[in-house]
PDB file of N, CA and C in Angstrom:
ATOM      1  N   UNK A   1      47.296 265.878  79.288  1.00  0.00           N
ATOM      2  CA  UNK A   1      48.655 265.889  78.954  1.00  0.00           C
ATOM      3  C   UNK A   1      49.246 264.608  79.384  1.00  0.00           C
ATOM      4  N   UNK A   2      49.123 264.207  80.657  1.00  0.00           N
ATOM      5  CA  UNK A   2      49.730 262.969  81.177  1.00  0.00           C
ATOM      6  C   UNK A   2      49.154 261.767  80.525  1.00  0.00           C
ATOM      7  N   UNK A   3      47.826 261.819  80.133  1.00  0.00           N
ATOM      8  CA  UNK A   3      47.157 260.744  79.503  1.00  0.00           C
ATOM      9  C   UNK A   3      47.733 260.426  78.165  1.00  0.00           C
ATOM     10  N   UNK A   4      47.911 261.481  77.378  1.00  0.00           N
ATOM     11  CA  UNK A   4      48.480 261.306  76.018  1.00  0.00           C
ATOM     12  C   UNK A   4      49.835 260.799  76.105  1.00  0.00           C
ATOM     13  N   UNK A   5      50.707 261.289  76.917  1.00  0.00           N
ATOM     14  CA  UNK A   5      52.064 260.821  77.090  1.00  0.00           C
ATOM     15  C   UNK A   5      52.099 259.355  77.527  1.00  0.00           C
ATOM     16  N   UNK A   6      51.168 258.977  78.380  1.00  0.00           N
ATOM     17  CA  UNK A   6      50.980 257.661  78.872  1.00  0.00           C
ATOM     18  C   UNK A   6      50.727 256.661  77.656  1.00  0.00           C
ATOM     19  N   UNK A   7      49.789 257.135  76.790  1.00  0.00           N
ATOM     20  CA  UNK A   7      49.499 256.273  75.573  1.00  0.00           C
ATOM     21  C   UNK A   7      50.673 256.189  74.748  1.00  0.00           C
ATOM     22  N   UNK A   8      51.464 257.256  74.524  1.00  0.00           N
ATOM     23  CA  UNK A   8      52.650 257.185  73.621  1.00  0.00           C
ATOM     24  C   UNK A   8      53.661 256.185  74.177  1.00  0.00           C
ATOM     25  N   UNK A   9      53.920 256.253  75.548  1.00  0.00           N
ATOM     26  CA  UNK A   9      54.825 255.372  76.158  1.00  0.00           C
ATOM     27  C   UNK A   9      54.337 253.903  76.070  1.00  0.00           C
ATOM     28  N   UNK A  10      53.057 253.712  76.194  1.00  0.00           N
ATOM     29  CA  UNK A  10      52.432 252.382  76.128  1.00  0.00           C
ATOM     30  C   UNK A  10      52.596 251.748  74.739  1.00  0.00           C
ATOM     31  N   UNK A  11      52.402 252.585  73.718  1.00  0.00           N
ATOM     32  CA  UNK A  11      52.496 252.124  72.343  1.00  0.00           C
ATOM     33  C   UNK A  11      53.981 251.788  72.001  1.00  0.00           C
ATOM     34  N   UNK A  12      54.932 252.627  72.483  1.00  0.00           N
ATOM     35  CA  UNK A  12      56.333 252.325  72.311  1.00  0.00           C
ATOM     36  C   UNK A  12      56.737 251.011  73.004  1.00  0.00           C
ATOM     37  N   UNK A  13      56.244 250.888  74.186  1.00  0.00           N
ATOM     38  CA  UNK A  13      56.564 249.634  74.932  1.00  0.00           C
ATOM     39  C   UNK A  13      56.015 248.382  74.219  1.00  0.00           C
ATOM     40  N   UNK A  14      54.807 248.520  73.705  1.00  0.00           N
ATOM     41  CA  UNK A  14      54.172 247.422  72.952  1.00  0.00           C
ATOM     42  C   UNK A  14      54.902 247.066  71.769  1.00  0.00           C
ATOM     43  N   UNK A  15      55.384 248.048  70.990  1.00  0.00           N
ATOM     44  CA  UNK A  15      56.249 247.825  69.795  1.00  0.00           C
ATOM     45  C   UNK A  15      57.547 247.084  70.184  1.00  0.00           C
ATOM     46  N   UNK A  16      58.214 247.517  71.193  1.00  0.00           N
ATOM     47  CA  UNK A  16      59.396 246.821  71.666  1.00  0.00           C
ATOM     48  C   UNK A  16      59.076 245.362  72.069  1.00  0.00           C
ATOM     49  N   UNK A  17      58.015 245.145  72.779  1.00  0.00           N
ATOM     50  CA  UNK A  17      57.566 243.907  73.110  1.00  0.00           C
ATOM     51  C   UNK A  17      57.365 242.952  71.924  1.00  0.00           C
ATOM     52  N   UNK A  18      56.716 243.473  70.940  1.00  0.00           N
ATOM     53  CA  UNK A  18      56.454 242.644  69.693  1.00  0.00           C
ATOM     54  C   UNK A  18      57.767 242.316  68.978  1.00  0.00           C
ATOM     55  N   UNK A  19      58.680 243.259  68.897  1.00  0.00           N
ATOM     56  CA  UNK A  19      59.968 243.000  68.214  1.00  0.00           C
ATOM     57  C   UNK A  19      60.762 241.978  68.949  1.00  0.00           C
ATOM     58  N   UNK A  20      60.804 242.088  70.289  1.00  0.00           N
ATOM     59  CA  UNK A  20      61.547 240.988  71.014  1.00  0.00           C
ATOM     60  C   UNK A  20      60.788 239.729  70.959  1.00  0.00           C
ATOM     61  N   UNK A  21      59.456 239.689  70.930  1.00  0.00           N
ATOM     62  CA  UNK A  21      58.660 238.465  70.850  1.00  0.00           C
ATOM     63  C   UNK A  21      58.953 237.740  69.514  1.00  0.00           C
ATOM     64  N   UNK A  22      59.073 238.492  68.457  1.00  0.00           N
ATOM     65  CA  UNK A  22      59.421 237.922  67.182  1.00  0.00           C
ATOM     66  C   UNK A  22      60.793 237.209  67.265  1.00  0.00           C
ATOM     67  N   UNK A  23      61.753 237.905  67.892  1.00  0.00           N
ATOM     68  CA  UNK A  23      63.112 237.303  68.023  1.00  0.00           C
ATOM     69  C   UNK A  23      62.966 235.983  68.888  1.00  0.00           C
ATOM     70  N   UNK A  24      62.161 236.000  69.888  1.00  0.00           N
ATOM     71  CA  UNK A  24      61.957 234.877  70.748  1.00  0.00           C
ATOM     72  C   UNK A  24      61.332 233.620  69.978  1.00  0.00           C
ATOM     73  N   UNK A  25      60.317 233.959  69.124  1.00  0.00           N
ATOM     74  CA  UNK A  25      59.806 232.878  68.291  1.00  0.00           C
ATOM     75  C   UNK A  25      60.759 232.326  67.393  1.00  0.00           C
ATOM     76  N   UNK A  26      61.594 233.239  66.724  1.00  0.00           N
ATOM     77  CA  UNK A  26      62.600 232.764  65.798  1.00  0.00           C
ATOM     78  C   UNK A  26      63.689 231.958  66.369  1.00  0.00           C
ATOM     79  N   UNK A  27      64.143 232.283  67.609  1.00  0.00           N
ATOM     80  CA  UNK A  27      65.295 231.628  68.229  1.00  0.00           C
ATOM     81  C   UNK A  27      64.876 230.407  69.031  1.00  0.00           C
ATOM     82  N   UNK A  28      63.691 230.449  69.693  1.00  0.00           N
ATOM     83  CA  UNK A  28      63.416 229.418  70.682  1.00  0.00           C
ATOM     84  C   UNK A  28      62.224 228.539  70.264  1.00  0.00           C
ATOM     85  N   UNK A  29      61.495 228.884  69.189  1.00  0.00           N
ATOM     86  CA  UNK A  29      60.388 228.075  68.722  1.00  0.00           C
ATOM     87  C   UNK A  29      59.070 228.516  69.241  1.00  0.00           C
ATOM     88  N   UNK A  30      58.069 227.743  68.897  1.00  0.00           N
ATOM     89  CA  UNK A  30      56.669 228.141  69.207  1.00  0.00           C
ATOM     90  C   UNK A  30      56.320 228.041  70.670  1.00  0.00           C
ATOM     91  N   UNK A  31      56.831 227.051  71.348  1.00  0.00           N
ATOM     92  CA  UNK A  31      56.383 226.803  72.748  1.00  0.00           C
ATOM     93  C   UNK A  31      56.855 227.974  73.634  1.00  0.00           C
ATOM     94  N   UNK A  32      58.094 228.339  73.525  1.00  0.00           N
ATOM     95  CA  UNK A  32      58.590 229.443  74.295  1.00  0.00           C
ATOM     96  C   UNK A  32      58.051 230.788  73.804  1.00  0.00           C
ATOM     97  N   UNK A  33      57.842 230.871  72.515  1.00  0.00           N
ATOM     98  CA  UNK A  33      57.181 232.066  71.967  1.00  0.00           C
ATOM     99  C   UNK A  33      55.801 232.301  72.527  1.00  0.00           C
ATOM    100  N   UNK A  34      55.015 231.210  72.700  1.00  0.00           N
ATOM    101  CA  UNK A  34      53.683 231.355  73.256  1.00  0.00           C
ATOM    102  C   UNK A  34      53.783 231.716  74.734  1.00  0.00           C
ATOM    103  N   UNK A  35      54.773 231.114  75.396  1.00  0.00           N
ATOM    104  CA  UNK A  35      54.996 231.516  76.834  1.00  0.00           C
ATOM    105  C   UNK A  35      55.337 232.995  76.889  1.00  0.00           C
ATOM    106  N   UNK A  36      56.198 233.525  76.016  1.00  0.00           N
ATOM    107  CA  UNK A  36      56.518 234.915  75.917  1.00  0.00           C
ATOM    108  C   UNK A  36      55.327 235.812  75.590  1.00  0.00           C
ATOM    109  N   UNK A  37      54.383 235.295  74.808  1.00  0.00           N
ATOM    110  CA  UNK A  37      53.171 236.043  74.461  1.00  0.00           C
ATOM    111  C   UNK A  37      52.233 236.128  75.675  1.00  0.00           C
ATOM    112  N   UNK A  38      52.152 235.060  76.448  1.00  0.00           N
ATOM    113  CA  UNK A  38      51.302 235.010  77.642  1.00  0.00           C
ATOM    114  C   UNK A  38      51.910 235.850  78.806  1.00  0.00           C
ATOM    115  N   UNK A  39      53.321 235.724  78.980  1.00  0.00           N
ATOM    116  CA  UNK A  39      53.930 236.401  80.085  1.00  0.00           C
ATOM    117  C   UNK A  39      54.953 237.339  79.512  1.00  0.00           C
ATOM    118  N   UNK A  40      54.656 238.608  79.497  1.00  0.00           N
ATOM    119  CA  UNK A  40      55.521 239.627  78.980  1.00  0.00           C
ATOM    120  C   UNK A  40      56.842 239.736  79.755  1.00  0.00           C
ATOM    121  N   UNK A  41      56.747 239.454  81.035  1.00  0.00           N
ATOM    122  CA  UNK A  41      58.021 239.555  81.849  1.00  0.00           C
ATOM    123  C   UNK A  41      59.027 238.519  81.341  1.00  0.00           C
ATOM    124  N   UNK A  42      58.586 237.370  81.040  1.00  0.00           N
ATOM    125  CA  UNK A  42      59.460 236.304  80.455  1.00  0.00           C
ATOM    126  C   UNK A  42      60.145 236.825  79.188  1.00  0.00           C
ATOM    127  N   UNK A  43      59.433 237.539  78.259  1.00  0.00           N
ATOM    128  CA  UNK A  43      59.954 238.093  77.104  1.00  0.00           C
ATOM    129  C   UNK A  43      60.979 239.158  77.411  1.00  0.00           C
ATOM    130  N   UNK A  44      60.657 239.949  78.407  1.00  0.00           N
ATOM    131  CA  UNK A  44      61.597 241.027  78.855  1.00  0.00           C
ATOM    132  C   UNK A  44      62.945 240.447  79.384  1.00  0.00           C
ATOM    133  N   UNK A  45      62.768 239.546  80.240  1.00  0.00           N
ATOM    134  CA  UNK A  45      63.959 238.889  80.890  1.00  0.00           C
ATOM    135  C   UNK A  45      64.752 238.158  79.767  1.00  0.00           C
ATOM    136  N   UNK A  46      64.108 237.364  79.010  1.00  0.00           N
ATOM    137  CA  UNK A  46      64.780 236.594  77.955  1.00  0.00           C
ATOM    138  C   UNK A  46      65.555 237.622  76.944  1.00  0.00           C
ATOM    139  N   UNK A  47      64.916 238.667  76.663  1.00  0.00           N
ATOM    140  CA  UNK A  47      65.559 239.724  75.823  1.00  0.00           C
ATOM    141  C   UNK A  47      66.861 240.262  76.373  1.00  0.00           C
ATOM    142  N   UNK A  48      66.893 240.506  77.672  1.00  0.00           N
ATOM    143  CA  UNK A  48      68.068 240.954  78.317  1.00  0.00           C
ATOM    144  C   UNK A  48      69.095 239.885  78.367  1.00  0.00           C
ATOM    145  N   UNK A  49      68.654 238.683  78.574  1.00  0.00           N
ATOM    146  CA  UNK A  49      69.597 237.563  78.639  1.00  0.00           C
ATOM    147  C   UNK A  49      70.294 237.241  77.323  1.00  0.00           C
ATOM    148  N   UNK A  50      69.600 237.507  76.262  1.00  0.00           N
ATOM    149  CA  UNK A  50      70.128 237.195  74.837  1.00  0.00           C
ATOM    150  C   UNK A  50      70.416 238.388  73.997  1.00  0.00           C
ATOM    151  N   UNK A  51      70.496 239.571  74.631  1.00  0.00           N
ATOM    152  CA  UNK A  51      70.658 240.842  73.939  1.00  0.00           C
ATOM    153  C   UNK A  51      71.943 240.868  73.096  1.00  0.00           C
ATOM    154  N   UNK A  52      73.031 240.258  73.585  1.00  0.00           N
ATOM    155  CA  UNK A  52      74.271 240.323  72.821  1.00  0.00           C
ATOM    156  C   UNK A  52      74.191 239.382  71.611  1.00  0.00           C
ATOM    157  N   UNK A  53      73.659 238.188  71.865  1.00  0.00           N
ATOM    158  CA  UNK A  53      73.566 237.173  70.776  1.00  0.00           C
ATOM    159  C   UNK A  53      72.692 237.666  69.601  1.00  0.00           C
ATOM    160  N   UNK A  54      71.565 238.308  69.986  1.00  0.00           N
ATOM    161  CA  UNK A  54      70.604 238.687  68.964  1.00  0.00           C
ATOM    162  C   UNK A  54      70.803 240.139  68.471  1.00  0.00           C
ATOM    163  N   UNK A  55      71.710 240.912  69.107  1.00  0.00           N
ATOM    164  CA  UNK A  55      71.899 242.267  68.692  1.00  0.00           C
ATOM    165  C   UNK A  55      70.809 243.218  68.977  1.00  0.00           C
ATOM    166  N   UNK A  56      70.123 243.014  70.096  1.00  0.00           N
ATOM    167  CA  UNK A  56      69.004 243.888  70.416  1.00  0.00           C
ATOM    168  C   UNK A  56      69.206 244.718  71.653  1.00  0.00           C
ATOM    169  N   UNK A  57      70.472 245.068  71.908  1.00  0.00           N
ATOM    170  CA  UNK A  57      70.859 245.793  73.090  1.00  0.00           C
ATOM    171  C   UNK A  57      70.162 247.176  73.160  1.00  0.00           C
ATOM    172  N   UNK A  58      70.145 247.877  72.033  1.00  0.00           N
ATOM    173  CA  UNK A  58      69.499 249.166  71.964  1.00  0.00           C
ATOM    174  C   UNK A  58      68.025 249.054  72.147  1.00  0.00           C
ATOM    175  N   UNK A  59      67.418 248.061  71.562  1.00  0.00           N
ATOM    176  CA  UNK A  59      66.009 247.801  71.716  1.00  0.00           C
ATOM    177  C   UNK A  59      65.611 247.578  73.162  1.00  0.00           C
ATOM    178  N   UNK A  60      66.431 246.787  73.850  1.00  0.00           N
ATOM    179  CA  UNK A  60      66.178 246.418  75.219  1.00  0.00           C
ATOM    180  C   UNK A  60      66.301 247.702  76.094  1.00  0.00           C
ATOM    181  N   UNK A  61      67.358 248.505  75.765  1.00  0.00           N
ATOM    182  CA  UNK A  61      67.481 249.747  76.516  1.00  0.00           C
ATOM    183  C   UNK A  61      66.339 250.664  76.336  1.00  0.00           C
ATOM    184  N   UNK A  62      65.818 250.753  75.109  1.00  0.00           N
ATOM    185  CA  UNK A  62      64.670 251.637  74.834  1.00  0.00           C
ATOM    186  C   UNK A  62      63.422 251.070  75.658  1.00  0.00           C
ATOM    187  N   UNK A  63      63.235 249.772  75.615  1.00  0.00           N
ATOM    188  CA  UNK A  63      62.072 249.178  76.281  1.00  0.00           C
ATOM    189  C   UNK A  63      62.180 249.424  77.736  1.00  0.00           C
ATOM    190  N   UNK A  64      63.322 249.288  78.343  1.00  0.00           N
ATOM    191  CA  UNK A  64      63.536 249.486  79.750  1.00  0.00           C
ATOM    192  C   UNK A  64      63.240 250.953  80.145  1.00  0.00           C
ATOM    193  N   UNK A  65      63.764 251.885  79.250  1.00  0.00           N
ATOM    194  CA  UNK A  65      63.511 253.310  79.589  1.00  0.00           C
ATOM    195  C   UNK A  65      61.997 253.635  79.453  1.00  0.00           C
ATOM    196  N   UNK A  66      61.331 252.985  78.504  1.00  0.00           N
ATOM    197  CA  UNK A  66      59.896 253.226  78.347  1.00  0.00           C
ATOM    198  C   UNK A  66      59.174 252.714  79.592  1.00  0.00           C
ATOM    199  N   UNK A  67      59.563 251.572  80.061  1.00  0.00           N
ATOM    200  CA  UNK A  67      58.910 251.069  81.309  1.00  0.00           C
ATOM    201  C   UNK A  67      59.144 251.943  82.519  1.00  0.00           C
ATOM    202  N   UNK A  68      60.388 252.373  82.699  1.00  0.00           N
ATOM    203  CA  UNK A  68      60.732 253.273  83.817  1.00  0.00           C
ATOM    204  C   UNK A  68      59.929 254.602  83.658  1.00  0.00           C
ATOM    205  N   UNK A  69      59.914 255.191  82.471  1.00  0.00           N
ATOM    206  CA  UNK A  69      59.170 256.437  82.202  1.00  0.00           C
ATOM    207  C   UNK A  69      57.610 256.214  82.546  1.00  0.00           C
ATOM    208  N   UNK A  70      57.091 255.046  82.164  1.00  0.00           N
ATOM    209  CA  UNK A  70      55.678 254.805  82.466  1.00  0.00           C
ATOM    210  C   UNK A  70      55.437 254.725  83.932  1.00  0.00           C
ATOM    211  N   UNK A  71      56.362 254.167  84.708  1.00  0.00           N
ATOM    212  CA  UNK A  71      56.195 254.079  86.173  1.00  0.00           C
ATOM    213  C   UNK A  71      56.279 255.477  86.759  1.00  0.00           C
ATOM    214  N   UNK A  72      57.223 256.237  86.349  1.00  0.00           N
ATOM    215  CA  UNK A  72      57.361 257.620  86.886  1.00  0.00           C
ATOM    216  C   UNK A  72      56.160 258.466  86.567  1.00  0.00           C
ATOM    217  N   UNK A  73      55.694 258.321  85.317  1.00  0.00           N
ATOM    218  CA  UNK A  73      54.450 259.029  84.912  1.00  0.00           C
ATOM    219  C   UNK A  73      53.257 258.622  85.727  1.00  0.00           C
ATOM    220  N   UNK A  74      53.136 257.314  86.014  1.00  0.00           N
ATOM    221  CA  UNK A  74      52.032 256.817  86.845  1.00  0.00           C
ATOM    222  C   UNK A  74      52.082 257.381  88.279  1.00  0.00           C
ATOM    223  N   UNK A  75      53.224 257.479  88.784  1.00  0.00           N
ATOM    224  CA  UNK A  75      53.415 258.052  90.156  1.00  0.00           C
ATOM    225  C   UNK A  75      53.063 259.492  90.122  1.00  0.00           C
ATOM    226  N   UNK A  76      53.559 260.193  89.097  1.00  0.00           N
ATOM    227  CA  UNK A  76      53.220 261.678  88.942  1.00  0.00           C
ATOM    228  C   UNK A  76      51.709 261.835  88.834  1.00  0.00           C
ATOM    229  N   UNK A  77      51.027 261.062  88.068  1.00  0.00           N
ATOM    230  CA  UNK A  77      49.591 261.154  87.905  1.00  0.00           C
ATOM    231  C   UNK A  77      48.874 260.891  89.239  1.00  0.00           C
ATOM    232  N   UNK A  78      49.350 259.893  89.938  1.00  0.00           N
ATOM    233  CA  UNK A  78      48.720 259.595  91.272  1.00  0.00           C
ATOM    234  C   UNK A  78      48.954 260.696  92.260  1.00  0.00           C
ATOM    235  N   UNK A  79      50.115 261.286  92.277  1.00  0.00           N
ATOM    236  CA  UNK A  79      50.409 262.438  93.210  1.00  0.00           C
ATOM    237  C   UNK A  79      49.575 263.632  92.861  1.00  0.00           C
ATOM    238  N   UNK A  80      49.347 263.804  91.488  1.00  0.00           N
ATOM    239  CA  UNK A  80      48.542 264.950  91.096  1.00  0.00           C
ATOM    240  C   UNK A  80      47.054 264.859  91.552  1.00  0.00           C
ATOM    241  N   UNK A  81      46.570 263.566  91.677  1.00  0.00           N
ATOM    242  CA  UNK A  81      45.216 263.412  92.097  1.00  0.00           C
ATOM    243  C   UNK A  81      44.982 263.419  93.568  1.00  0.00           C
ATOM    244  N   UNK A  82      46.105 263.310  94.358  1.00  0.00           N
ATOM    245  CA  UNK A  82      45.914 263.312  95.929  1.00  0.00           C
ATOM    246  C   UNK A  82      45.216 264.481  96.417  1.00  0.00           C
ATOM    247  N   UNK A  83      45.397 265.686  95.987  1.00  0.00           N
ATOM    248  CA  UNK A  83      44.617 266.815  96.584  1.00  0.00           C
ATOM    249  C   UNK A  83      43.080 266.694  96.387  1.00  0.00           C
ATOM    250  N   UNK A  84      42.669 266.034  95.339  1.00  0.00           N
ATOM    251  CA  UNK A  84      41.241 265.889  95.049  1.00  0.00           C
ATOM    252  C   UNK A  84      40.603 264.929  96.075  1.00  0.00           C
ATOM    253  N   UNK A  85      41.396 264.002  96.613  1.00  0.00           N
ATOM    254  CA  UNK A  85      40.823 263.087  97.557  1.00  0.00           C
ATOM    255  C   UNK A  85      40.540 263.647  98.911  1.00  0.00           C
ATOM    256  N   UNK A  86      41.293 264.742  99.235  1.00  0.00           N
ATOM    257  CA  UNK A  86      41.154 265.397 100.545  1.00  0.00           C
ATOM    258  C   UNK A  86      39.903 266.227 100.663  1.00  0.00           C
ATOM    259  N   UNK A  87      39.303 266.522  99.572  1.00  0.00           N
ATOM    260  CA  UNK A  87      38.117 267.474  99.637  1.00  0.00           C
ATOM    261  C   UNK A  87      36.921 266.757  99.970  1.00  0.00           C
TER     262      UNK A  87
END
């Protein structure tokens, strides 16, 4: 169950990344677009910095929520495995 949900969150996050990356390429050119492709954190921060100008506020909110949900899910999965390590 947690694995399937993790895949869904990852795919959603990847889609958001690609959409913001397209905006990055269109607005800033190839050099910064390639930097955004190599470093997803740059794309994420750039998207938040330019969200008003590009009209991607909802997209950035969804991407942020997907990242937070992935972190919470990862912690829940780790906690679920803890009893198995004690045996």
